[in-house]
Every structure is written in C-alpha cells, then in structure tokens.
C-alpha cells in the first residue's frame, strides 16, 4: 500500500533551501517517490493547522519511504534542509490499491 510523507516547512534561509529543493527530487525518485503537493497555496478551512509550505510525497510503500529518509543519499540533503528550515514531517500509510 502506498505511504506518504506529510511535511510542513517554515523556510529560514531561502538560498540554502533552494539548494535542497534543486537536489532532492532525484533522490526521491530513486526510491520510487513522487511529489503530490510541493509548496502550493494553502487555504485553511477549519481550525489553525499552522501550515506554511506543505509538501506531500508518495512512495510505493512505507519501507520505500523509510529507505529514502534513512539513505546515505538523503543524509546530506536532510542536514541541508534542517539548516535552512524548521518544520514537521510524518509518515502516513495510504489505502490499499
């Protein structure tokens, strides 16, 4: 079943974050991932979710998502993202095909 990373980011250093944004798609694709949402406009309908830059990544399954997140290829990009932005990230399983 597919799995999704739900990410909410507040960018502190736009130049560093742009480096991350340019480099990460190839690593995501290597692990079978793809963008579903990548920083589009957010319109809050209820409550105060505190959303800023929202990203949703889809992977074939949770194992592939975890393999991406813990990979040697992503490690330097993760460090770059953490130095450029604050945020939260969660892994959520989707519905069976």
PDB file of N, CA and C in Angstrom:
ATOM      1  N   UNK A   1       0.845  -1.171   0.000  1.00  0.00           N
ATOM      2  CA  UNK A   1       0.000   0.000   0.000  1.00  0.00           C
ATOM      3  C   UNK A   1       0.890   1.234   0.000  1.00  0.00           C
ATOM      4  N   UNK A   2       0.456   2.299  -0.644  1.00  0.00           N
ATOM      5  CA  UNK A   2       1.295   3.500  -0.709  1.00  0.00           C
ATOM      6  C   UNK A   2       1.477   4.122   0.677  1.00  0.00           C
ATOM      7  N   UNK A   3       2.531   4.906   0.793  1.00  0.00           N
ATOM      8  CA  UNK A   3       2.808   5.638   2.027  1.00  0.00           C
ATOM      9  C   UNK A   3       3.176   7.063   1.652  1.00  0.00           C
ATOM     10  N   UNK A   4       2.880   7.974   2.563  1.00  0.00           N
ATOM     11  CA  UNK A   4       3.051   9.398   2.277  1.00  0.00           C
ATOM     12  C   UNK A   4       3.824  10.086   3.386  1.00  0.00           C
ATOM     13  N   UNK A   5       4.739  10.958   2.997  1.00  0.00           N
ATOM     14  CA  UNK A   5       5.334  11.889   3.935  1.00  0.00           C
ATOM     15  C   UNK A   5       4.513  13.162   3.868  1.00  0.00           C
ATOM     16  N   UNK A   6       4.014  13.605   5.012  1.00  0.00           N
ATOM     17  CA  UNK A   6       3.313  14.870   5.139  1.00  0.00           C
ATOM     18  C   UNK A   6       4.287  15.828   5.810  1.00  0.00           C
ATOM     19  N   UNK A   7       4.607  16.908   5.139  1.00  0.00           N
ATOM     20  CA  UNK A   7       5.657  17.808   5.590  1.00  0.00           C
ATOM     21  C   UNK A   7       5.119  19.234   5.645  1.00  0.00           C
ATOM     22  N   UNK A   8       5.459  19.945   6.698  1.00  0.00           N
ATOM     23  CA  UNK A   8       5.126  21.362   6.839  1.00  0.00           C
ATOM     24  C   UNK A   8       6.427  22.084   7.180  1.00  0.00           C
ATOM     25  N   UNK A   9       6.822  23.034   6.338  1.00  0.00           N
ATOM     26  CA  UNK A   9       8.132  23.670   6.462  1.00  0.00           C
ATOM     27  C   UNK A   9       7.994  25.177   6.567  1.00  0.00           C
ATOM     28  N   UNK A  10       8.826  25.751   7.415  1.00  0.00           N
ATOM     29  CA  UNK A  10       8.996  27.200   7.518  1.00  0.00           C
ATOM     30  C   UNK A  10      10.445  27.494   7.136  1.00  0.00           C
ATOM     31  N   UNK A  11      10.648  28.109   5.997  1.00  0.00           N
ATOM     32  CA  UNK A  11      11.997  28.354   5.483  1.00  0.00           C
ATOM     33  C   UNK A  11      12.628  29.544   6.205  1.00  0.00           C
ATOM     34  N   UNK A  12      13.841  29.334   6.734  1.00  0.00           N
ATOM     35  CA  UNK A  12      14.607  30.391   7.400  1.00  0.00           C
ATOM     36  C   UNK A  12      15.689  30.961   6.500  1.00  0.00           C
ATOM     37  N   UNK A  13      16.251  30.109   5.644  1.00  0.00           N
ATOM     38  CA  UNK A  13      17.352  30.522   4.764  1.00  0.00           C
ATOM     39  C   UNK A  13      16.982  30.128   3.327  1.00  0.00           C
ATOM     40  N   UNK A  14      16.368  31.054   2.579  1.00  0.00           N
ATOM     41  CA  UNK A  14      15.897  30.731   1.227  1.00  0.00           C
ATOM     42  C   UNK A  14      16.995  30.236   0.279  1.00  0.00           C
ATOM     43  N   UNK A  15      18.195  30.765   0.363  1.00  0.00           N
ATOM     44  CA  UNK A  15      19.270  30.333  -0.539  1.00  0.00           C
ATOM     45  C   UNK A  15      19.655  28.878  -0.279  1.00  0.00           C
ATOM     46  N   UNK A  16      19.833  28.518   0.983  1.00  0.00           N
ATOM     47  CA  UNK A  16      20.145  27.116   1.313  1.00  0.00           C
ATOM     48  C   UNK A  16      18.984  26.204   0.940  1.00  0.00           C
ATOM     49  N   UNK A  17      17.758  26.666   1.228  1.00  0.00           N
ATOM     50  CA  UNK A  17      16.607  25.820   0.922  1.00  0.00           C
ATOM     51  C   UNK A  17      16.493  25.590  -0.579  1.00  0.00           C
ATOM     52  N   UNK A  18      16.838  26.566  -1.374  1.00  0.00           N
ATOM     53  CA  UNK A  18      16.799  26.397  -2.830  1.00  0.00           C
ATOM     54  C   UNK A  18      17.791  25.324  -3.271  1.00  0.00           C
ATOM     55  N   UNK A  19      18.956  25.260  -2.645  1.00  0.00           N
ATOM     56  CA  UNK A  19      19.916  24.190  -2.950  1.00  0.00           C
ATOM     57  C   UNK A  19      19.281  22.829  -2.670  1.00  0.00           C
ATOM     58  N   UNK A  20      18.625  22.709  -1.523  1.00  0.00           N
ATOM     59  CA  UNK A  20      17.935  21.471  -1.159  1.00  0.00           C
ATOM     60  C   UNK A  20      16.848  21.145  -2.185  1.00  0.00           C
ATOM     61  N   UNK A  21      16.028  22.143  -2.501  1.00  0.00           N
ATOM     62  CA  UNK A  21      14.896  21.953  -3.414  1.00  0.00           C
ATOM     63  C   UNK A  21      15.346  21.478  -4.795  1.00  0.00           C
ATOM     64  N   UNK A  22      16.496  21.948  -5.235  1.00  0.00           N
ATOM     65  CA  UNK A  22      17.018  21.541  -6.542  1.00  0.00           C
ATOM     66  C   UNK A  22      17.589  20.121  -6.525  1.00  0.00           C
ATOM     67  N   UNK A  23      18.179  19.718  -5.403  1.00  0.00           N
ATOM     68  CA  UNK A  23      18.878  18.429  -5.344  1.00  0.00           C
ATOM     69  C   UNK A  23      17.998  17.256  -4.945  1.00  0.00           C
ATOM     70  N   UNK A  24      16.956  17.472  -4.159  1.00  0.00           N
ATOM     71  CA  UNK A  24      16.221  16.361  -3.559  1.00  0.00           C
ATOM     72  C   UNK A  24      15.329  15.573  -4.530  1.00  0.00           C
ATOM     73  N   UNK A  25      14.759  16.150  -5.596  1.00  0.00           N
ATOM     74  CA  UNK A  25      13.867  15.341  -6.441  1.00  0.00           C
ATOM     75  C   UNK A  25      14.504  14.064  -7.001  1.00  0.00           C
ATOM     76  N   UNK A  26      15.761  14.115  -7.383  1.00  0.00           N
ATOM     77  CA  UNK A  26      16.414  12.918  -7.928  1.00  0.00           C
ATOM     78  C   UNK A  26      16.520  11.814  -6.888  1.00  0.00           C
ATOM     79  N   UNK A  27      16.767  12.171  -5.643  1.00  0.00           N
ATOM     80  CA  UNK A  27      16.874  11.167  -4.575  1.00  0.00           C
ATOM     81  C   UNK A  27      15.489  10.595  -4.268  1.00  0.00           C
ATOM     82  N   UNK A  28      14.488  11.446  -4.232  1.00  0.00           N
ATOM     83  CA  UNK A  28      13.114  10.968  -4.021  1.00  0.00           C
ATOM     84  C   UNK A  28      12.742   9.957  -5.104  1.00  0.00           C
ATOM     85  N   UNK A  29      13.018  10.301  -6.351  1.00  0.00           N
ATOM     86  CA  UNK A  29      12.676   9.417  -7.478  1.00  0.00           C
ATOM     87  C   UNK A  29      13.432   8.095  -7.405  1.00  0.00           C
ATOM     88  N   UNK A  30      14.674   8.129  -6.954  1.00  0.00           N
ATOM     89  CA  UNK A  30      15.476   6.904  -6.857  1.00  0.00           C
ATOM     90  C   UNK A  30      14.802   5.866  -5.965  1.00  0.00           C
ATOM     91  N   UNK A  31      14.050   6.317  -4.968  1.00  0.00           N
ATOM     92  CA  UNK A  31      13.379   5.411  -4.043  1.00  0.00           C
ATOM     93  C   UNK A  31      11.905   5.213  -4.397  1.00  0.00           C
ATOM     94  N   UNK A  32      11.535   5.577  -5.617  1.00  0.00           N
ATOM     95  CA  UNK A  32      10.171   5.355  -6.093  1.00  0.00           C
ATOM     96  C   UNK A  32       9.178   6.402  -5.650  1.00  0.00           C
ATOM     97  N   UNK A  33       9.676   7.525  -5.116  1.00  0.00           N
ATOM     98  CA  UNK A  33       8.782   8.562  -4.625  1.00  0.00           C
ATOM     99  C   UNK A  33       8.435   9.589  -5.679  1.00  0.00           C
ATOM    100  N   UNK A  34       7.372  10.327  -5.382  1.00  0.00           N
ATOM    101  CA  UNK A  34       6.966  11.424  -6.263  1.00  0.00           C
ATOM    102  C   UNK A  34       6.224  12.466  -5.441  1.00  0.00           C
ATOM    103  N   UNK A  35       6.273  13.687  -5.940  1.00  0.00           N
ATOM    104  CA  UNK A  35       5.552  14.775  -5.275  1.00  0.00           C
ATOM    105  C   UNK A  35       4.067  14.689  -5.604  1.00  0.00           C
ATOM    106  N   UNK A  36       3.244  14.854  -4.592  1.00  0.00           N
ATOM    107  CA  UNK A  36       1.802  15.026  -4.754  1.00  0.00           C
ATOM    108  C   UNK A  36       1.478  16.506  -4.563  1.00  0.00           C
ATOM    109  N   UNK A  37       2.113  17.119  -3.570  1.00  0.00           N
ATOM    110  CA  UNK A  37       1.975  18.548  -3.275  1.00  0.00           C
ATOM    111  C   UNK A  37       3.380  19.078  -3.043  1.00  0.00           C
ATOM    112  N   UNK A  38       3.665  20.261  -3.597  1.00  0.00           N
ATOM    113  CA  UNK A  38       5.002  20.845  -3.416  1.00  0.00           C
ATOM    114  C   UNK A  38       4.890  22.359  -3.221  1.00  0.00           C
ATOM    115  N   UNK A  39       4.461  22.742  -2.026  1.00  0.00           N
ATOM    116  CA  UNK A  39       4.507  24.145  -1.648  1.00  0.00           C
ATOM    117  C   UNK A  39       3.469  25.048  -2.273  1.00  0.00           C
ATOM    118  N   UNK A  40       2.343  24.516  -2.675  1.00  0.00           N
ATOM    119  CA  UNK A  40       1.294  25.349  -3.255  1.00  0.00           C
ATOM    120  C   UNK A  40       0.573  26.192  -2.211  1.00  0.00           C
ATOM    121  N   UNK A  41      -0.353  27.002  -2.679  1.00  0.00           N
ATOM    122  CA  UNK A  41      -1.132  27.867  -1.783  1.00  0.00           C
ATOM    123  C   UNK A  41      -1.943  27.020  -0.803  1.00  0.00           C
ATOM    124  N   UNK A  42      -2.047  27.513   0.431  1.00  0.00           N
ATOM    125  CA  UNK A  42      -2.811  26.839   1.486  1.00  0.00           C
ATOM    126  C   UNK A  42      -3.994  27.725   1.858  1.00  0.00           C
ATOM    127  N   UNK A  43      -5.176  27.157   1.810  1.00  0.00           N
ATOM    128  CA  UNK A  43      -6.382  27.855   2.260  1.00  0.00           C
ATOM    129  C   UNK A  43      -6.951  27.080   3.438  1.00  0.00           C
ATOM    130  N   UNK A  44      -6.873  27.646   4.615  1.00  0.00           N
ATOM    131  CA  UNK A  44      -7.357  26.983   5.820  1.00  0.00           C
ATOM    132  C   UNK A  44      -8.885  27.025   5.824  1.00  0.00           C
ATOM    133  N   UNK A  45      -9.488  25.867   6.009  1.00  0.00           N
ATOM    134  CA  UNK A  45     -10.944  25.754   6.014  1.00  0.00           C
ATOM    135  C   UNK A  45     -11.505  25.635   7.429  1.00  0.00           C
ATOM    136  N   UNK A  46     -10.731  25.047   8.336  1.00  0.00           N
ATOM    137  CA  UNK A  46     -11.160  24.892   9.731  1.00  0.00           C
ATOM    138  C   UNK A  46      -9.944  24.913  10.634  1.00  0.00           C
ATOM    139  N   UNK A  47     -10.115  25.474  11.810  1.00  0.00           N
ATOM    140  CA  UNK A  47      -9.056  25.446  12.811  1.00  0.00           C
ATOM    141  C   UNK A  47      -7.838  26.258  12.406  1.00  0.00           C
ATOM    142  N   UNK A  48      -6.734  25.990  13.086  1.00  0.00           N
ATOM    143  CA  UNK A  48      -5.462  26.655  12.812  1.00  0.00           C
ATOM    144  C   UNK A  48      -4.378  25.593  12.721  1.00  0.00           C
ATOM    145  N   UNK A  49      -4.216  24.973  11.544  1.00  0.00           N
ATOM    146  CA  UNK A  49      -3.241  23.893  11.423  1.00  0.00           C
ATOM    147  C   UNK A  49      -1.793  24.372  11.399  1.00  0.00           C
ATOM    148  N   UNK A  50      -1.564  25.679  11.309  1.00  0.00           N
ATOM    149  CA  UNK A  50      -0.199  26.190  11.312  1.00  0.00           C
ATOM    150  C   UNK A  50       0.591  25.806  10.073  1.00  0.00           C
ATOM    151  N   UNK A  51      -0.088  25.672   8.958  1.00  0.00           N
ATOM    152  CA  UNK A  51       0.577  25.243   7.729  1.00  0.00           C
ATOM    153  C   UNK A  51       1.245  26.415   7.027  1.00  0.00           C
ATOM    154  N   UNK A  52       2.447  26.177   6.508  1.00  0.00           N
ATOM    155  CA  UNK A  52       3.176  27.185   5.752  1.00  0.00           C
ATOM    156  C   UNK A  52       3.493  26.629   4.367  1.00  0.00           C
ATOM    157  N   UNK A  53       4.629  25.985   4.210  1.00  0.00           N
ATOM    158  CA  UNK A  53       4.995  25.348   2.943  1.00  0.00           C
ATOM    159  C   UNK A  53       4.711  23.857   3.119  1.00  0.00           C
ATOM    160  N   UNK A  54       3.675  23.369   2.462  1.00  0.00           N
ATOM    161  CA  UNK A  54       3.237  21.982   2.617  1.00  0.00           C
ATOM    162  C   UNK A  54       3.783  21.139   1.463  1.00  0.00           C
ATOM    163  N   UNK A  55       4.330  19.984   1.815  1.00  0.00           N
ATOM    164  CA  UNK A  55       4.821  19.029   0.830  1.00  0.00           C
ATOM    165  C   UNK A  55       4.225  17.669   1.179  1.00  0.00           C
ATOM    166  N   UNK A  56       3.720  16.972   0.171  1.00  0.00           N
ATOM    167  CA  UNK A  56       3.269  15.587   0.336  1.00  0.00           C
ATOM    168  C   UNK A  56       4.015  14.753  -0.692  1.00  0.00           C
ATOM    169  N   UNK A  57       4.725  13.741  -0.197  1.00  0.00           N
ATOM    170  CA  UNK A  57       5.456  12.807  -1.048  1.00  0.00           C
ATOM    171  C   UNK A  57       4.781  11.452  -0.990  1.00  0.00           C
ATOM    172  N   UNK A  58       4.626  10.816  -2.129  1.00  0.00           N
ATOM    173  CA  UNK A  58       4.060   9.464  -2.189  1.00  0.00           C
ATOM    174  C   UNK A  58       5.168   8.476  -2.532  1.00  0.00           C
ATOM    175  N   UNK A  59       5.203   7.366  -1.797  1.00  0.00           N
ATOM    176  CA  UNK A  59       6.120   6.265  -2.070  1.00  0.00           C
ATOM    177  C   UNK A  59       5.309   4.990  -2.254  1.00  0.00           C
ATOM    178  N   UNK A  60       5.871   3.995  -2.930  1.00  0.00           N
ATOM    179  CA  UNK A  60       5.124   2.755  -3.159  1.00  0.00           C
ATOM    180  C   UNK A  60       4.650   2.089  -1.873  1.00  0.00           C
ATOM    181  N   UNK A  61       5.446   2.213  -0.807  1.00  0.00           N
ATOM    182  CA  UNK A  61       5.093   1.637   0.490  1.00  0.00           C
ATOM    183  C   UNK A  61       5.933   2.299   1.570  1.00  0.00           C
ATOM    184  N   UNK A  62       5.620   1.983   2.823  1.00  0.00           N
ATOM    185  CA  UNK A  62       6.323   2.597   3.949  1.00  0.00           C
ATOM    186  C   UNK A  62       7.799   2.207   3.967  1.00  0.00           C
ATOM    187  N   UNK A  63       8.117   1.004   3.544  1.00  0.00           N
ATOM    188  CA  UNK A  63       9.521   0.581   3.529  1.00  0.00           C
ATOM    189  C   UNK A  63      10.339   1.448   2.575  1.00  0.00           C
ATOM    190  N   UNK A  64       9.788   1.755   1.413  1.00  0.00           N
ATOM    191  CA  UNK A  64      10.486   2.618   0.447  1.00  0.00           C
ATOM    192  C   UNK A  64      10.645   4.030   1.006  1.00  0.00           C
ATOM    193  N   UNK A  65       9.623   4.524   1.678  1.00  0.00           N
ATOM    194  CA  UNK A  65       9.696   5.864   2.273  1.00  0.00           C
ATOM    195  C   UNK A  65      10.774   5.908   3.346  1.00  0.00           C
ATOM    196  N   UNK A  66      10.811   4.898   4.192  1.00  0.00           N
ATOM    197  CA  UNK A  66      11.834   4.850   5.241  1.00  0.00           C
ATOM    198  C   UNK A  66      13.231   4.708   4.637  1.00  0.00           C
ATOM    199  N   UNK A  67      13.339   3.883   3.585  1.00  0.00           N
ATOM    200  CA  UNK A  67      14.637   3.702   2.924  1.00  0.00           C
ATOM    201  C   UNK A  67      15.140   5.030   2.362  1.00  0.00           C
ATOM    202  N   UNK A  68      14.252   5.822   1.779  1.00  0.00           N
ATOM    203  CA  UNK A  68      14.625   7.161   1.308  1.00  0.00           C
ATOM    204  C   UNK A  68      15.127   8.012   2.468  1.00  0.00           C
ATOM    205  N   UNK A  69      14.337   8.106   3.526  1.00  0.00           N
ATOM    206  CA  UNK A  69      14.632   9.009   4.631  1.00  0.00           C
ATOM    207  C   UNK A  69      15.944   8.661   5.336  1.00  0.00           C
ATOM    208  N   UNK A  70      16.257   7.379   5.416  1.00  0.00           N
ATOM    209  CA  UNK A  70      17.459   6.929   6.134  1.00  0.00           C
ATOM    210  C   UNK A  70      18.642   6.657   5.203  1.00  0.00           C
ATOM    211  N   UNK A  71      18.507   6.967   3.926  1.00  0.00           N
ATOM    212  CA  UNK A  71      19.546   6.641   2.952  1.00  0.00           C
ATOM    213  C   UNK A  71      20.773   7.537   3.077  1.00  0.00           C
ATOM    214  N   UNK A  72      21.902   7.002   2.632  1.00  0.00           N
ATOM    215  CA  UNK A  72      23.142   7.778   2.559  1.00  0.00           C
ATOM    216  C   UNK A  72      22.992   8.943   1.591  1.00  0.00           C
ATOM    217  N   UNK A  73      22.198   8.752   0.553  1.00  0.00           N
ATOM    218  CA  UNK A  73      21.999   9.802  -0.444  1.00  0.00           C
ATOM    219  C   UNK A  73      21.230  10.992   0.125  1.00  0.00           C
ATOM    220  N   UNK A  74      20.272  10.705   1.006  1.00  0.00           N
ATOM    221  CA  UNK A  74      19.461  11.789   1.563  1.00  0.00           C
ATOM    222  C   UNK A  74      20.121  12.458   2.763  1.00  0.00           C
ATOM    223  N   UNK A  75      21.006  11.782   3.454  1.00  0.00           N
ATOM    224  CA  UNK A  75      21.595  12.314   4.695  1.00  0.00           C
ATOM    225  C   UNK A  75      22.155  13.732   4.540  1.00  0.00           C
ATOM    226  N   UNK A  76      22.983  14.026   3.521  1.00  0.00           N
ATOM    227  CA  UNK A  76      23.494  15.391   3.414  1.00  0.00           C
ATOM    228  C   UNK A  76      22.403  16.399   3.039  1.00  0.00           C
ATOM    229  N   UNK A  77      21.398  15.949   2.312  1.00  0.00           N
ATOM    230  CA  UNK A  77      20.290  16.836   1.955  1.00  0.00           C
ATOM    231  C   UNK A  77      19.413  17.118   3.172  1.00  0.00           C
ATOM    232  N   UNK A  78      19.219  16.112   4.009  1.00  0.00           N
ATOM    233  CA  UNK A  78      18.466  16.314   5.243  1.00  0.00           C
ATOM    234  C   UNK A  78      19.180  17.342   6.123  1.00  0.00           C
ATOM    235  N   UNK A  79      20.497  17.219   6.242  1.00  0.00           N
ATOM    236  CA  UNK A  79      21.262  18.185   7.028  1.00  0.00           C
ATOM    237  C   UNK A  79      21.116  19.588   6.443  1.00  0.00           C
ATOM    238  N   UNK A  80      21.138  19.696   5.129  1.00  0.00           N
ATOM    239  CA  UNK A  80      20.958  20.990   4.471  1.00  0.00           C
ATOM    240  C   UNK A  80      19.568  21.546   4.761  1.00  0.00           C
ATOM    241  N   UNK A  81      18.539  20.706   4.637  1.00  0.00           N
ATOM    242  CA  UNK A  81      17.168  21.165   4.912  1.00  0.00           C
ATOM    243  C   UNK A  81      17.021  21.627   6.350  1.00  0.00           C
ATOM    244  N   UNK A  82      17.569  20.857   7.289  1.00  0.00           N
ATOM    245  CA  UNK A  82      17.451  21.215   8.702  1.00  0.00           C
ATOM    246  C   UNK A  82      18.191  22.512   9.023  1.00  0.00           C
ATOM    247  N   UNK A  83      19.232  22.828   8.254  1.00  0.00           N
ATOM    248  CA  UNK A  83      19.952  24.080   8.472  1.00  0.00           C
ATOM    249  C   UNK A  83      19.232  25.268   7.831  1.00  0.00           C
ATOM    250  N   UNK A  84      18.311  24.988   6.920  1.00  0.00           N
ATOM    251  CA  UNK A  84      17.627  26.054   6.179  1.00  0.00           C
ATOM    252  C   UNK A  84      16.182  26.270   6.585  1.00  0.00           C
ATOM    253  N   UNK A  85      15.583  25.297   7.266  1.00  0.00           N
ATOM    254  CA  UNK A  85      14.148  25.376   7.544  1.00  0.00           C
ATOM    255  C   UNK A  85      13.794  24.628   8.824  1.00  0.00           C
ATOM    256  N   UNK A  86      12.701  25.055   9.436  1.00  0.00           N
ATOM    257  CA  UNK A  86      12.101  24.337  10.559  1.00  0.00           C
ATOM    258  C   UNK A  86      10.845  23.663  10.038  1.00  0.00           C
ATOM    259  N   UNK A  87      10.396  22.639  10.725  1.00  0.00           N
ATOM    260  CA  UNK A  87       9.162  22.023  10.275  1.00  0.00           C
ATOM    261  C   UNK A  87       8.837  20.737  10.985  1.00  0.00           C
ATOM    262  N   UNK A  88       7.877  20.055  10.417  1.00  0.00           N
ATOM    263  CA  UNK A  88       7.452  18.758  10.932  1.00  0.00           C
ATOM    264  C   UNK A  88       7.240  17.821   9.755  1.00  0.00           C
ATOM    265  N   UNK A  89       7.363  16.525  10.045  1.00  0.00           N
ATOM    266  CA  UNK A  89       7.252  15.517   8.990  1.00  0.00           C
ATOM    267  C   UNK A  89       6.665  14.257   9.613  1.00  0.00           C
ATOM    268  N   UNK A  90       5.717  13.662   8.934  1.00  0.00           N
ATOM    269  CA  UNK A  90       5.117  12.420   9.420  1.00  0.00           C
ATOM    270  C   UNK A  90       4.965  11.448   8.259  1.00  0.00           C
ATOM    271  N   UNK A  91       5.100  10.170   8.551  1.00  0.00           N
ATOM    272  CA  UNK A  91       4.896   9.108   7.569  1.00  0.00           C
ATOM    273  C   UNK A  91       3.509   8.505   7.834  1.00  0.00           C
ATOM    274  N   UNK A  92       2.674   8.497   6.797  1.00  0.00           N
ATOM    275  CA  UNK A  92       1.301   8.012   6.917  1.00  0.00           C
ATOM    276  C   UNK A  92       1.065   6.957   5.847  1.00  0.00           C
ATOM    277  N   UNK A  93       0.499   5.804   6.250  1.00  0.00           N
ATOM    278  CA  UNK A  93       0.151   4.778   5.264  1.00  0.00           C
ATOM    279  C   UNK A  93      -1.139   5.158   4.548  1.00  0.00           C
ATOM    280  N   UNK A  94      -1.175   4.888   3.246  1.00  0.00           N
ATOM    281  CA  UNK A  94      -2.367   5.159   2.457  1.00  0.00           C
ATOM    282  C   UNK A  94      -3.303   3.959   2.450  1.00  0.00           C
ATOM    283  N   UNK A  95      -4.291   4.027   1.583  1.00  0.00           N
ATOM    284  CA  UNK A  95      -5.240   2.938   1.426  1.00  0.00           C
ATOM    285  C   UNK A  95      -4.706   1.881   0.474  1.00  0.00           C
ATOM    286  N   UNK A  96      -5.033   0.613   0.699  1.00  0.00           N
ATOM    287  CA  UNK A  96      -4.598  -0.428  -0.227  1.00  0.00           C
ATOM    288  C   UNK A  96      -5.170  -0.176  -1.620  1.00  0.00           C
ATOM    289  N   UNK A  97      -4.347  -0.557  -2.627  1.00  0.00           N
ATOM    290  CA  UNK A  97      -4.687  -0.326  -4.033  1.00  0.00           C
ATOM    291  C   UNK A  97      -5.990  -0.890  -4.423  1.00  0.00           C
TER     292      UNK A  97
END
